[in-house]
Amino acid sequence: PDMYPGNCWAFKGSRGYLVVRLSMKIYPTAFTVEHIPKTLSPTGNITSAPRNFSVYGLDDEYQEEGKLLGQYIYDQGGEPLQMFPVMEKSENAFQIVELRISSNWGHAEYTCLYRFRVHGKPAK
């Protein structure tokens, strides 16, 4: 609910995933990832921020491999809130979206995700 340092979803290591069920089916258009800026970090760095990540659309929560919607890099030197357009267009609408983080900016113990948002157009 807030962006205070440490108020994040943290997971061990640099690889993890998050599956989100949206309130309705949508045609995804973009995603946003948010992390605290370096200026708010007690250590002066944000090495725990996600670096490489990909987003998938799923037909149901039991699906092993969804439809790749894009692969991205969160820029630790950029704005805290970064928007990423869908790169792989799909004719399908999705209610379930998976965020897969494959690396962070160098933190050996954990990765911190503050906010992940899915943007799109509602399916009729």
C-alpha atoms as a PDB file:
ATOM      1  CA  PRO A   1       0.000   0.000   0.000  1.00  0.00           C
ATOM      2  CA  ASP A   2       2.957   2.364   0.405  1.00  0.00           C
ATOM      3  CA  MET A   3       6.468   2.816  -0.940  1.00  0.00           C
ATOM      4  CA  TYR A   4       8.475   2.893   2.300  1.00  0.00           C
ATOM      5  CA  PRO A   5      11.852   1.126   2.140  1.00  0.00           C
ATOM      6  CA  GLY A   6      11.382  -2.515   3.096  1.00  0.00           C
ATOM      7  CA  ASN A   7       7.607  -2.575   2.479  1.00  0.00           C
ATOM      8  CA  CYS A   8       8.003  -4.881  -0.483  1.00  0.00           C
ATOM      9  CA  TRP A   9       7.302  -8.439  -1.520  1.00  0.00           C
ATOM     10  CA  ALA A  10      10.726  -9.978  -1.024  1.00  0.00           C
ATOM     11  CA  PHE A  11      11.792 -13.424  -2.138  1.00  0.00           C
ATOM     12  CA  LYS A  12      15.005 -15.344  -1.582  1.00  0.00           C
ATOM     13  CA  GLY A  13      17.596 -15.118  -4.347  1.00  0.00           C
ATOM     14  CA  SER A  14      17.314 -13.402  -7.706  1.00  0.00           C
ATOM     15  CA  ARG A  15      14.724 -15.652  -9.409  1.00  0.00           C
ATOM     16  CA  GLY A  16      11.057 -15.782  -8.554  1.00  0.00           C
ATOM     17  CA  TYR A  17       7.584 -15.447  -9.927  1.00  0.00           C
ATOM     18  CA  LEU A  18       4.243 -13.918  -9.053  1.00  0.00           C
ATOM     19  CA  VAL A  19       0.866 -14.913 -10.480  1.00  0.00           C
ATOM     20  CA  VAL A  20      -1.930 -12.326 -10.407  1.00  0.00           C
ATOM     21  CA  ARG A  21      -5.639 -12.951 -11.009  1.00  0.00           C
ATOM     22  CA  LEU A  22      -7.277  -9.818 -12.394  1.00  0.00           C
ATOM     23  CA  SER A  23     -10.879  -8.859 -11.636  1.00  0.00           C
ATOM     24  CA  MET A  24     -11.832  -9.508 -15.288  1.00  0.00           C
ATOM     25  CA  LYS A  25     -10.374 -10.726 -18.559  1.00  0.00           C
ATOM     26  CA  ILE A  26      -8.405  -8.044 -20.377  1.00  0.00           C
ATOM     27  CA  TYR A  27      -6.316  -7.565 -23.488  1.00  0.00           C
ATOM     28  CA  PRO A  28      -3.000  -6.517 -21.869  1.00  0.00           C
ATOM     29  CA  THR A  29      -1.364  -3.392 -23.319  1.00  0.00           C
ATOM     30  CA  ALA A  30       1.399  -2.624 -20.787  1.00  0.00           C
ATOM     31  CA  PHE A  31       2.893  -3.447 -17.397  1.00  0.00           C
ATOM     32  CA  THR A  32       4.434  -1.244 -14.733  1.00  0.00           C
ATOM     33  CA  VAL A  33       7.068  -2.207 -12.194  1.00  0.00           C
ATOM     34  CA  GLU A  34       7.823   0.090  -9.288  1.00  0.00           C
ATOM     35  CA  HIS A  35      10.728   0.103  -6.818  1.00  0.00           C
ATOM     36  CA  ILE A  36      11.935   2.726  -4.364  1.00  0.00           C
ATOM     37  CA  PRO A  37      14.473   5.226  -5.753  1.00  0.00           C
ATOM     38  CA  LYS A  38      18.112   5.032  -4.666  1.00  0.00           C
ATOM     39  CA  THR A  39      17.632   8.269  -2.703  1.00  0.00           C
ATOM     40  CA  LEU A  40      15.150   6.535  -0.351  1.00  0.00           C
ATOM     41  CA  SER A  41      17.271   3.422   0.126  1.00  0.00           C
ATOM     42  CA  PRO A  42      19.078   3.262   3.495  1.00  0.00           C
ATOM     43  CA  THR A  43      22.124   1.771   1.705  1.00  0.00           C
ATOM     44  CA  GLY A  44      22.060   4.263  -1.185  1.00  0.00           C
ATOM     45  CA  ASN A  45      21.626   1.475  -3.739  1.00  0.00           C
ATOM     46  CA  ILE A  46      18.772  -0.673  -5.050  1.00  0.00           C
ATOM     47  CA  THR A  47      20.612  -3.880  -5.921  1.00  0.00           C
ATOM     48  CA  SER A  48      17.549  -5.834  -4.702  1.00  0.00           C
ATOM     49  CA  ALA A  49      15.433  -4.353  -7.529  1.00  0.00           C
ATOM     50  CA  PRO A  50      14.329  -6.725 -10.293  1.00  0.00           C
ATOM     51  CA  ARG A  51      16.489  -6.539 -13.424  1.00  0.00           C
ATOM     52  CA  ASN A  52      15.460  -9.009 -16.146  1.00  0.00           C
ATOM     53  CA  PHE A  53      11.855 -10.130 -16.161  1.00  0.00           C
ATOM     54  CA  SER A  54       9.199 -11.507 -18.451  1.00  0.00           C
ATOM     55  CA  VAL A  55       5.406 -11.477 -18.378  1.00  0.00           C
ATOM     56  CA  TYR A  56       3.049 -14.244 -19.489  1.00  0.00           C
ATOM     57  CA  GLY A  57      -0.697 -14.460 -19.977  1.00  0.00           C
ATOM     58  CA  LEU A  58      -2.285 -17.636 -18.600  1.00  0.00           C
ATOM     59  CA  ASP A  59      -5.598 -19.304 -19.424  1.00  0.00           C
ATOM     60  CA  ASP A  60      -5.823 -20.782 -15.910  1.00  0.00           C
ATOM     61  CA  GLU A  61      -3.674 -21.000 -12.788  1.00  0.00           C
ATOM     62  CA  TYR A  62      -2.637 -24.594 -13.549  1.00  0.00           C
ATOM     63  CA  GLN A  63      -1.136 -23.792 -16.944  1.00  0.00           C
ATOM     64  CA  GLU A  64       2.605 -24.555 -16.933  1.00  0.00           C
ATOM     65  CA  GLU A  65       3.668 -22.333 -19.821  1.00  0.00           C
ATOM     66  CA  GLY A  66       1.625 -19.276 -20.690  1.00  0.00           C
ATOM     67  CA  LYS A  67       1.730 -16.937 -23.688  1.00  0.00           C
ATOM     68  CA  LEU A  68       4.846 -14.748 -23.577  1.00  0.00           C
ATOM     69  CA  LEU A  69       3.786 -11.092 -23.631  1.00  0.00           C
ATOM     70  CA  GLY A  70       7.287  -9.609 -23.384  1.00  0.00           C
ATOM     71  CA  GLN A  71      10.773  -9.673 -21.898  1.00  0.00           C
ATOM     72  CA  TYR A  72      12.047  -6.529 -20.202  1.00  0.00           C
ATOM     73  CA  ILE A  73      14.756  -4.884 -18.129  1.00  0.00           C
ATOM     74  CA  TYR A  74      13.948  -2.652 -15.164  1.00  0.00           C
ATOM     75  CA  ASP A  75      16.492   0.209 -15.248  1.00  0.00           C
ATOM     76  CA  GLN A  76      17.842   0.803 -11.727  1.00  0.00           C
ATOM     77  CA  GLY A  77      19.068   4.234 -12.866  1.00  0.00           C
ATOM     78  CA  GLY A  78      15.671   5.222 -14.286  1.00  0.00           C
ATOM     79  CA  GLU A  79      12.448   6.439 -12.738  1.00  0.00           C
ATOM     80  CA  PRO A  80      11.074   4.396  -9.796  1.00  0.00           C
ATOM     81  CA  LEU A  81       7.874   3.681 -11.783  1.00  0.00           C
ATOM     82  CA  GLN A  82       8.620   2.205 -15.218  1.00  0.00           C
ATOM     83  CA  MET A  83       6.099   1.204 -17.882  1.00  0.00           C
ATOM     84  CA  PHE A  84       6.698  -1.595 -20.384  1.00  0.00           C
ATOM     85  CA  PRO A  85       4.437  -2.067 -23.436  1.00  0.00           C
ATOM     86  CA  VAL A  86       3.288  -5.534 -24.466  1.00  0.00           C
ATOM     87  CA  MET A  87       5.874  -6.731 -27.004  1.00  0.00           C
ATOM     88  CA  GLU A  88       4.223  -9.959 -28.157  1.00  0.00           C
ATOM     89  CA  LYS A  89       0.704  -9.148 -29.304  1.00  0.00           C
ATOM     90  CA  SER A  90      -1.959 -11.742 -28.600  1.00  0.00           C
ATOM     91  CA  GLU A  91      -5.515 -12.169 -29.837  1.00  0.00           C
ATOM     92  CA  ASN A  92      -6.370 -13.677 -26.438  1.00  0.00           C
ATOM     93  CA  ALA A  93      -7.705 -11.913 -23.387  1.00  0.00           C
ATOM     94  CA  PHE A  94      -6.278 -13.004 -20.033  1.00  0.00           C
ATOM     95  CA  GLN A  95      -7.478 -12.880 -16.446  1.00  0.00           C
ATOM     96  CA  ILE A  96      -4.292 -14.416 -15.052  1.00  0.00           C
ATOM     97  CA  VAL A  97      -0.860 -12.853 -15.565  1.00  0.00           C
ATOM     98  CA  GLU A  98       2.497 -14.233 -14.452  1.00  0.00           C
ATOM     99  CA  LEU A  99       5.517 -12.046 -13.718  1.00  0.00           C
ATOM    100  CA  ARG A 100       8.785 -14.027 -13.868  1.00  0.00           C
ATOM    101  CA  ILE A 101      11.868 -12.321 -12.478  1.00  0.00           C
ATOM    102  CA  SER A 102      15.073 -13.939 -13.713  1.00  0.00           C
ATOM    103  CA  SER A 103      17.659 -11.601 -12.143  1.00  0.00           C
ATOM    104  CA  ASN A 104      18.132  -8.587  -9.876  1.00  0.00           C
ATOM    105  CA  TRP A 105      20.760  -5.822  -9.811  1.00  0.00           C
ATOM    106  CA  GLY A 106      23.272  -7.797  -7.736  1.00  0.00           C
ATOM    107  CA  HIS A 107      21.805  -8.406  -4.269  1.00  0.00           C
ATOM    108  CA  ALA A 108      23.019 -11.855  -3.233  1.00  0.00           C
ATOM    109  CA  GLU A 109      20.282 -12.660  -0.696  1.00  0.00           C
ATOM    110  CA  TYR A 110      16.926 -11.427  -1.993  1.00  0.00           C
ATOM    111  CA  THR A 111      14.915  -9.498  -4.574  1.00  0.00           C
ATOM    112  CA  CYS A 112      12.307  -6.865  -3.658  1.00  0.00           C
ATOM    113  CA  LEU A 113       9.203  -6.060  -5.687  1.00  0.00           C
ATOM    114  CA  TYR A 114       7.224  -3.018  -4.563  1.00  0.00           C
ATOM    115  CA  ARG A 115       4.491  -2.799  -7.193  1.00  0.00           C
ATOM    116  CA  PHE A 116       3.496  -4.644 -10.347  1.00  0.00           C
ATOM    117  CA  ARG A 117       0.536  -3.430 -12.385  1.00  0.00           C
ATOM    118  CA  VAL A 118      -1.178  -4.816 -15.462  1.00  0.00           C
ATOM    119  CA  HIS A 119      -2.788  -2.354 -17.895  1.00  0.00           C
ATOM    120  CA  GLY A 120      -5.177  -3.269 -20.680  1.00  0.00           C
ATOM    121  CA  LYS A 121      -8.557  -3.095 -22.329  1.00  0.00           C
ATOM    122  CA  PRO A 122     -11.470  -5.063 -20.833  1.00  0.00           C
ATOM    123  CA  ALA A 123     -12.660  -8.041 -22.867  1.00  0.00           C
ATOM    124  CA  LYS A 124     -16.299  -7.822 -23.935  1.00  0.00           C
END
